[in-house]
N, C-alpha and C. Protein backbone atom coordinates (compact mmCIF):
# COMPACT_ATOMS: atom_id res chain seq x y z
N MET A 1 -33.96 -2.94 4.56
CA MET A 1 -32.79 -3.62 5.07
C MET A 1 -32.14 -4.40 3.93
N ILE A 2 -30.82 -4.42 3.93
CA ILE A 2 -30.06 -5.15 2.92
C ILE A 2 -29.32 -6.28 3.61
N VAL A 3 -29.48 -7.49 3.10
CA VAL A 3 -28.74 -8.65 3.61
C VAL A 3 -28.17 -9.37 2.41
N ARG A 4 -26.85 -9.55 2.40
CA ARG A 4 -26.18 -10.24 1.29
C ARG A 4 -25.07 -11.12 1.83
N THR A 5 -24.69 -12.13 1.05
CA THR A 5 -23.57 -12.98 1.41
C THR A 5 -22.52 -12.93 0.31
N ILE A 6 -21.30 -13.27 0.69
CA ILE A 6 -20.21 -13.34 -0.29
C ILE A 6 -20.56 -14.34 -1.39
N ASN A 7 -21.11 -15.48 -1.03
CA ASN A 7 -21.45 -16.49 -2.03
C ASN A 7 -22.45 -15.97 -3.06
N GLU A 8 -23.35 -15.07 -2.65
CA GLU A 8 -24.30 -14.48 -3.59
C GLU A 8 -23.61 -13.54 -4.59
N MET A 9 -22.45 -13.00 -4.24
CA MET A 9 -21.72 -12.08 -5.11
C MET A 9 -20.97 -12.83 -6.20
N LYS A 10 -20.55 -14.06 -5.90
CA LYS A 10 -19.72 -14.83 -6.83
C LYS A 10 -20.45 -15.09 -8.14
N GLY A 11 -19.75 -14.81 -9.23
CA GLY A 11 -20.31 -15.04 -10.55
C GLY A 11 -21.28 -13.97 -11.03
N THR A 12 -21.41 -12.88 -10.28
CA THR A 12 -22.29 -11.77 -10.68
C THR A 12 -21.43 -10.56 -11.07
N ASP A 13 -22.09 -9.47 -11.46
CA ASP A 13 -21.35 -8.26 -11.80
C ASP A 13 -20.77 -7.57 -10.56
N ARG A 14 -21.09 -8.06 -9.37
CA ARG A 14 -20.51 -7.55 -8.13
C ARG A 14 -19.22 -8.27 -7.75
N GLU A 15 -18.80 -9.22 -8.55
CA GLU A 15 -17.51 -9.88 -8.35
C GLU A 15 -16.59 -9.41 -9.48
N VAL A 16 -15.59 -8.60 -9.11
CA VAL A 16 -14.73 -7.97 -10.10
C VAL A 16 -13.30 -8.47 -9.91
N PHE A 17 -12.72 -8.98 -11.00
CA PHE A 17 -11.34 -9.47 -10.99
C PHE A 17 -10.43 -8.42 -11.63
N ALA A 18 -9.26 -8.21 -11.02
CA ALA A 18 -8.26 -7.31 -11.60
C ALA A 18 -7.82 -7.86 -12.95
N GLU A 19 -7.60 -6.95 -13.90
CA GLU A 19 -7.15 -7.36 -15.22
C GLU A 19 -5.80 -8.06 -15.17
N ASN A 20 -4.95 -7.70 -14.19
CA ASN A 20 -3.63 -8.32 -14.07
C ASN A 20 -3.65 -9.59 -13.23
N GLY A 21 -4.82 -9.97 -12.71
CA GLY A 21 -4.95 -11.20 -11.94
C GLY A 21 -4.50 -11.11 -10.49
N ASN A 22 -4.24 -9.91 -9.97
CA ASN A 22 -3.72 -9.74 -8.61
C ASN A 22 -4.78 -9.86 -7.52
N TRP A 23 -6.05 -9.60 -7.83
CA TRP A 23 -7.07 -9.56 -6.79
C TRP A 23 -8.45 -9.84 -7.36
N VAL A 24 -9.36 -10.12 -6.43
CA VAL A 24 -10.78 -10.19 -6.74
C VAL A 24 -11.51 -9.40 -5.65
N SER A 25 -12.48 -8.60 -6.06
CA SER A 25 -13.25 -7.77 -5.14
C SER A 25 -14.72 -8.16 -5.24
N ARG A 26 -15.30 -8.50 -4.10
CA ARG A 26 -16.73 -8.84 -4.04
C ARG A 26 -17.44 -7.68 -3.37
N ARG A 27 -18.24 -6.98 -4.11
CA ARG A 27 -18.77 -5.68 -3.73
C ARG A 27 -20.18 -5.82 -3.17
N LEU A 28 -20.22 -5.85 -1.84
CA LEU A 28 -21.47 -6.10 -1.13
C LEU A 28 -22.41 -4.89 -1.12
N LEU A 29 -21.84 -3.70 -1.00
CA LEU A 29 -22.62 -2.47 -1.07
C LEU A 29 -21.99 -1.55 -2.11
N LEU A 30 -22.81 -0.95 -2.95
CA LEU A 30 -22.36 -0.03 -3.98
C LEU A 30 -23.15 1.27 -3.90
N LYS A 31 -22.77 2.23 -4.71
CA LYS A 31 -23.43 3.53 -4.72
C LYS A 31 -24.95 3.39 -4.85
N LYS A 32 -25.41 2.49 -5.72
CA LYS A 32 -26.85 2.35 -5.95
C LYS A 32 -27.60 1.83 -4.73
N ASP A 33 -26.88 1.36 -3.71
CA ASP A 33 -27.52 0.91 -2.47
C ASP A 33 -27.81 2.07 -1.51
N ASP A 34 -27.37 3.29 -1.88
CA ASP A 34 -27.70 4.52 -1.15
C ASP A 34 -27.27 4.51 0.32
N MET A 35 -26.08 3.99 0.59
CA MET A 35 -25.55 4.00 1.96
C MET A 35 -24.52 5.11 2.17
N GLY A 36 -24.07 5.77 1.10
CA GLY A 36 -23.07 6.83 1.22
C GLY A 36 -21.63 6.31 1.20
N PHE A 37 -21.45 5.00 1.12
CA PHE A 37 -20.14 4.37 1.03
C PHE A 37 -20.33 3.04 0.33
N SER A 38 -19.23 2.44 -0.11
CA SER A 38 -19.32 1.07 -0.62
C SER A 38 -18.52 0.16 0.31
N PHE A 39 -18.88 -1.11 0.31
CA PHE A 39 -18.34 -2.10 1.26
C PHE A 39 -17.99 -3.35 0.48
N HIS A 40 -16.75 -3.82 0.63
CA HIS A 40 -16.24 -4.90 -0.22
C HIS A 40 -15.46 -5.91 0.61
N GLU A 41 -15.42 -7.13 0.11
CA GLU A 41 -14.41 -8.09 0.54
C GLU A 41 -13.48 -8.25 -0.65
N THR A 42 -12.20 -8.01 -0.42
CA THR A 42 -11.21 -8.12 -1.48
C THR A 42 -10.16 -9.15 -1.08
N VAL A 43 -9.83 -10.02 -2.01
CA VAL A 43 -8.76 -10.99 -1.80
C VAL A 43 -7.59 -10.58 -2.68
N ILE A 44 -6.45 -10.33 -2.04
CA ILE A 44 -5.20 -10.02 -2.73
C ILE A 44 -4.44 -11.34 -2.82
N PHE A 45 -4.15 -11.77 -4.03
CA PHE A 45 -3.57 -13.10 -4.21
C PHE A 45 -2.10 -13.14 -3.81
N ALA A 46 -1.70 -14.27 -3.23
CA ALA A 46 -0.35 -14.48 -2.72
C ALA A 46 0.70 -14.17 -3.78
N GLY A 47 1.78 -13.50 -3.34
CA GLY A 47 2.91 -13.23 -4.21
C GLY A 47 2.71 -12.09 -5.18
N THR A 48 1.65 -11.29 -5.01
CA THR A 48 1.39 -10.20 -5.95
C THR A 48 1.73 -8.85 -5.34
N GLU A 49 1.95 -7.88 -6.22
CA GLU A 49 2.16 -6.48 -5.84
C GLU A 49 1.27 -5.63 -6.73
N THR A 50 0.52 -4.73 -6.11
CA THR A 50 -0.39 -3.85 -6.85
C THR A 50 -0.10 -2.41 -6.48
N HIS A 51 0.12 -1.57 -7.50
CA HIS A 51 0.29 -0.13 -7.30
C HIS A 51 -1.10 0.50 -7.23
N ILE A 52 -1.34 1.25 -6.14
CA ILE A 52 -2.67 1.84 -5.91
C ILE A 52 -2.52 3.30 -5.53
N TRP A 53 -3.40 4.13 -6.07
CA TRP A 53 -3.44 5.55 -5.71
C TRP A 53 -4.89 6.01 -5.83
N TYR A 54 -5.61 5.93 -4.72
CA TYR A 54 -7.01 6.33 -4.73
C TYR A 54 -7.11 7.85 -4.56
N LYS A 55 -6.74 8.56 -5.61
CA LYS A 55 -6.76 10.02 -5.57
C LYS A 55 -8.17 10.58 -5.56
N ASN A 56 -9.15 9.76 -5.94
CA ASN A 56 -10.55 10.19 -5.97
C ASN A 56 -11.40 9.61 -4.84
N HIS A 57 -10.81 8.76 -4.01
CA HIS A 57 -11.56 8.06 -2.97
C HIS A 57 -10.76 7.98 -1.68
N LEU A 58 -11.46 7.85 -0.58
CA LEU A 58 -10.85 7.48 0.70
C LEU A 58 -11.20 6.01 0.92
N GLU A 59 -10.26 5.27 1.53
CA GLU A 59 -10.50 3.86 1.77
C GLU A 59 -10.01 3.48 3.15
N ALA A 60 -10.78 2.66 3.85
CA ALA A 60 -10.36 2.02 5.09
C ALA A 60 -10.38 0.53 4.84
N VAL A 61 -9.36 -0.17 5.37
CA VAL A 61 -9.17 -1.60 5.09
C VAL A 61 -8.89 -2.33 6.39
N TYR A 62 -9.51 -3.49 6.57
CA TYR A 62 -9.29 -4.33 7.74
C TYR A 62 -8.92 -5.73 7.25
N CYS A 63 -7.80 -6.25 7.71
CA CYS A 63 -7.33 -7.57 7.30
C CYS A 63 -7.93 -8.64 8.20
N VAL A 64 -8.56 -9.63 7.58
CA VAL A 64 -9.15 -10.73 8.35
C VAL A 64 -8.40 -12.05 8.13
N GLU A 65 -7.54 -12.09 7.10
CA GLU A 65 -6.82 -13.34 6.81
C GLU A 65 -5.61 -13.05 5.94
N GLY A 66 -4.52 -13.78 6.17
CA GLY A 66 -3.32 -13.67 5.35
C GLY A 66 -2.38 -12.59 5.87
N GLU A 67 -1.23 -12.48 5.19
CA GLU A 67 -0.22 -11.50 5.60
C GLU A 67 0.38 -10.83 4.38
N GLY A 68 0.78 -9.58 4.57
CA GLY A 68 1.41 -8.83 3.50
C GLY A 68 1.94 -7.52 4.04
N GLU A 69 2.03 -6.54 3.15
CA GLU A 69 2.55 -5.23 3.55
C GLU A 69 2.03 -4.16 2.62
N ILE A 70 2.07 -2.94 3.13
CA ILE A 70 1.77 -1.76 2.33
C ILE A 70 2.99 -0.87 2.40
N GLU A 71 3.44 -0.41 1.23
CA GLU A 71 4.59 0.50 1.15
C GLU A 71 4.13 1.82 0.58
N LEU A 72 4.38 2.90 1.31
CA LEU A 72 4.01 4.23 0.82
C LEU A 72 4.95 4.63 -0.31
N TYR A 73 4.38 5.07 -1.40
CA TYR A 73 5.11 5.39 -2.62
C TYR A 73 6.12 6.52 -2.40
N ASP A 74 5.70 7.58 -1.73
CA ASP A 74 6.56 8.76 -1.58
C ASP A 74 7.68 8.57 -0.57
N SER A 75 7.41 7.94 0.56
CA SER A 75 8.40 7.84 1.63
C SER A 75 9.13 6.50 1.68
N GLY A 76 8.55 5.47 1.07
CA GLY A 76 9.13 4.13 1.15
C GLY A 76 8.85 3.43 2.47
N GLU A 77 8.09 4.08 3.35
CA GLU A 77 7.76 3.48 4.64
C GLU A 77 6.89 2.24 4.41
N ILE A 78 7.20 1.16 5.15
CA ILE A 78 6.51 -0.11 4.99
C ILE A 78 5.78 -0.46 6.29
N PHE A 79 4.52 -0.91 6.14
CA PHE A 79 3.71 -1.34 7.27
C PHE A 79 3.29 -2.78 7.06
N GLU A 80 3.47 -3.60 8.07
CA GLU A 80 3.06 -5.00 8.04
C GLU A 80 1.55 -5.10 8.13
N ILE A 81 0.98 -6.02 7.37
CA ILE A 81 -0.46 -6.28 7.41
C ILE A 81 -0.64 -7.74 7.80
N LYS A 82 -1.46 -7.97 8.81
CA LYS A 82 -1.81 -9.32 9.24
C LYS A 82 -3.20 -9.25 9.83
N PRO A 83 -3.83 -10.38 10.14
CA PRO A 83 -5.18 -10.34 10.69
C PRO A 83 -5.26 -9.42 11.92
N GLY A 84 -6.27 -8.58 11.92
CA GLY A 84 -6.45 -7.61 12.99
C GLY A 84 -5.89 -6.24 12.69
N THR A 85 -5.21 -6.08 11.55
CA THR A 85 -4.64 -4.79 11.14
C THR A 85 -5.65 -3.99 10.34
N MET A 86 -5.78 -2.71 10.67
CA MET A 86 -6.60 -1.77 9.90
C MET A 86 -5.67 -0.68 9.40
N TYR A 87 -5.87 -0.27 8.15
CA TYR A 87 -5.20 0.94 7.67
C TYR A 87 -6.22 1.78 6.92
N ALA A 88 -6.02 3.10 7.00
CA ALA A 88 -6.92 4.05 6.34
C ALA A 88 -6.10 4.97 5.46
N LEU A 89 -6.47 5.06 4.21
CA LEU A 89 -5.79 5.93 3.25
C LEU A 89 -6.45 7.30 3.30
N ASN A 90 -6.25 7.97 4.42
CA ASN A 90 -6.94 9.23 4.70
C ASN A 90 -6.36 10.44 3.96
N LYS A 91 -5.21 10.25 3.32
CA LYS A 91 -4.59 11.35 2.57
C LYS A 91 -4.41 10.95 1.10
N HIS A 92 -5.26 10.06 0.62
CA HIS A 92 -5.18 9.57 -0.76
C HIS A 92 -3.78 9.02 -1.03
N ASP A 93 -3.25 8.28 -0.04
CA ASP A 93 -1.87 7.81 -0.08
C ASP A 93 -1.61 6.87 -1.26
N ARG A 94 -0.63 7.24 -2.06
CA ARG A 94 -0.18 6.39 -3.16
C ARG A 94 0.69 5.29 -2.54
N HIS A 95 0.46 4.02 -2.95
CA HIS A 95 1.15 2.92 -2.27
C HIS A 95 1.23 1.66 -3.12
N TYR A 96 2.03 0.73 -2.63
CA TYR A 96 2.10 -0.62 -3.17
C TYR A 96 1.50 -1.55 -2.13
N LEU A 97 0.63 -2.44 -2.56
CA LEU A 97 0.04 -3.43 -1.68
C LEU A 97 0.56 -4.80 -2.10
N ARG A 98 1.15 -5.51 -1.14
CA ARG A 98 1.75 -6.81 -1.44
C ARG A 98 1.19 -7.88 -0.52
N ALA A 99 0.86 -9.02 -1.11
CA ALA A 99 0.50 -10.20 -0.32
C ALA A 99 1.72 -11.11 -0.33
N HIS A 100 2.06 -11.64 0.84
CA HIS A 100 3.24 -12.50 0.93
C HIS A 100 2.90 -13.92 0.45
N ASP A 101 3.11 -14.90 1.28
CA ASP A 101 2.98 -16.31 0.87
C ASP A 101 1.56 -16.84 0.88
N THR A 102 0.63 -16.06 1.39
CA THR A 102 -0.76 -16.49 1.43
C THR A 102 -1.63 -15.37 0.86
N ASP A 103 -2.83 -15.73 0.42
CA ASP A 103 -3.79 -14.70 0.01
C ASP A 103 -4.14 -13.85 1.22
N MET A 104 -4.37 -12.56 0.99
CA MET A 104 -4.87 -11.68 2.05
C MET A 104 -6.34 -11.41 1.79
N ARG A 105 -7.17 -11.63 2.79
CA ARG A 105 -8.60 -11.33 2.69
C ARG A 105 -8.84 -10.05 3.47
N LEU A 106 -9.33 -9.03 2.78
CA LEU A 106 -9.49 -7.70 3.34
C LEU A 106 -10.95 -7.26 3.24
N VAL A 107 -11.41 -6.52 4.24
CA VAL A 107 -12.72 -5.90 4.21
C VAL A 107 -12.48 -4.40 4.03
N CYS A 108 -13.11 -3.81 3.01
CA CYS A 108 -12.80 -2.44 2.60
C CYS A 108 -14.06 -1.58 2.53
N VAL A 109 -13.88 -0.30 2.87
CA VAL A 109 -14.94 0.69 2.75
C VAL A 109 -14.41 1.84 1.91
N PHE A 110 -15.19 2.29 0.92
CA PHE A 110 -14.80 3.41 0.06
C PHE A 110 -15.79 4.56 0.18
N SER A 111 -15.23 5.77 0.18
CA SER A 111 -16.02 6.99 0.11
C SER A 111 -15.32 7.94 -0.86
N PRO A 112 -16.02 8.46 -1.86
CA PRO A 112 -17.39 8.14 -2.21
C PRO A 112 -17.51 6.68 -2.64
N PRO A 113 -18.72 6.16 -2.64
CA PRO A 113 -18.91 4.75 -2.96
C PRO A 113 -18.56 4.43 -4.41
N LEU A 114 -18.09 3.20 -4.61
CA LEU A 114 -17.87 2.72 -5.97
C LEU A 114 -19.21 2.33 -6.60
N THR A 115 -19.24 2.35 -7.92
CA THR A 115 -20.47 2.02 -8.64
C THR A 115 -20.54 0.55 -9.02
N GLY A 116 -19.39 -0.14 -9.04
CA GLY A 116 -19.45 -1.58 -9.26
C GLY A 116 -18.37 -2.18 -10.10
N GLY A 117 -18.13 -1.68 -11.29
CA GLY A 117 -17.21 -2.35 -12.20
C GLY A 117 -15.80 -1.80 -12.20
N GLU A 118 -15.47 -0.90 -11.29
CA GLU A 118 -14.18 -0.24 -11.33
C GLU A 118 -13.01 -1.23 -11.21
N VAL A 119 -12.00 -0.98 -12.03
CA VAL A 119 -10.68 -1.61 -11.89
C VAL A 119 -9.67 -0.47 -11.94
N HIS A 120 -8.46 -0.73 -11.48
CA HIS A 120 -7.46 0.33 -11.39
C HIS A 120 -7.09 0.87 -12.78
N LEU A 121 -7.03 2.20 -12.88
CA LEU A 121 -6.51 2.86 -14.06
C LEU A 121 -4.99 2.74 -14.05
N PRO A 122 -4.29 3.11 -15.13
CA PRO A 122 -2.83 2.98 -15.16
C PRO A 122 -2.11 3.70 -14.02
N ASP A 123 -2.68 4.78 -13.47
CA ASP A 123 -2.04 5.48 -12.35
C ASP A 123 -2.38 4.88 -11.00
N GLY A 124 -3.16 3.78 -10.97
CA GLY A 124 -3.51 3.12 -9.73
C GLY A 124 -4.81 3.58 -9.10
N SER A 125 -5.50 4.51 -9.75
CA SER A 125 -6.73 5.07 -9.17
C SER A 125 -7.97 4.38 -9.74
N TYR A 126 -9.10 4.67 -9.10
CA TYR A 126 -10.41 4.34 -9.66
C TYR A 126 -10.98 5.65 -10.19
N PRO A 127 -11.70 5.61 -11.30
CA PRO A 127 -12.30 6.86 -11.80
C PRO A 127 -13.46 7.29 -10.92
N LEU A 128 -13.72 8.58 -10.91
CA LEU A 128 -14.93 9.10 -10.28
C LEU A 128 -16.06 8.97 -11.29
N GLU A 129 -17.24 8.67 -10.80
CA GLU A 129 -18.40 8.54 -11.68
C GLU A 129 -18.69 9.86 -12.35
């Protein structure tokens, strides 16, 4: 059985900050935990916009705090994000993720699982191991 807390992740290699300062991801489960997915709490900082394209991963996201939006890159369609909203990038959707006036706290699941230190590449993706 695995039991972890967010506070235990802080200050370890499981707490990853974006190079551009837009977010912090606390990675509770990783590939080495052998669950078949990774599980994270990610905070998107207020007033930021991040270009994301998980071409190598599927991601499901649930918002527990804050407000923002996701804009699909190809269509320009915009979806509001607020507590209780879930979105799934089931087609490797290229998008912009924006936090409005408050930080957004998101719970995320990735498949295949992340290994731990990933940050976005210039195209918005995470590399495959």
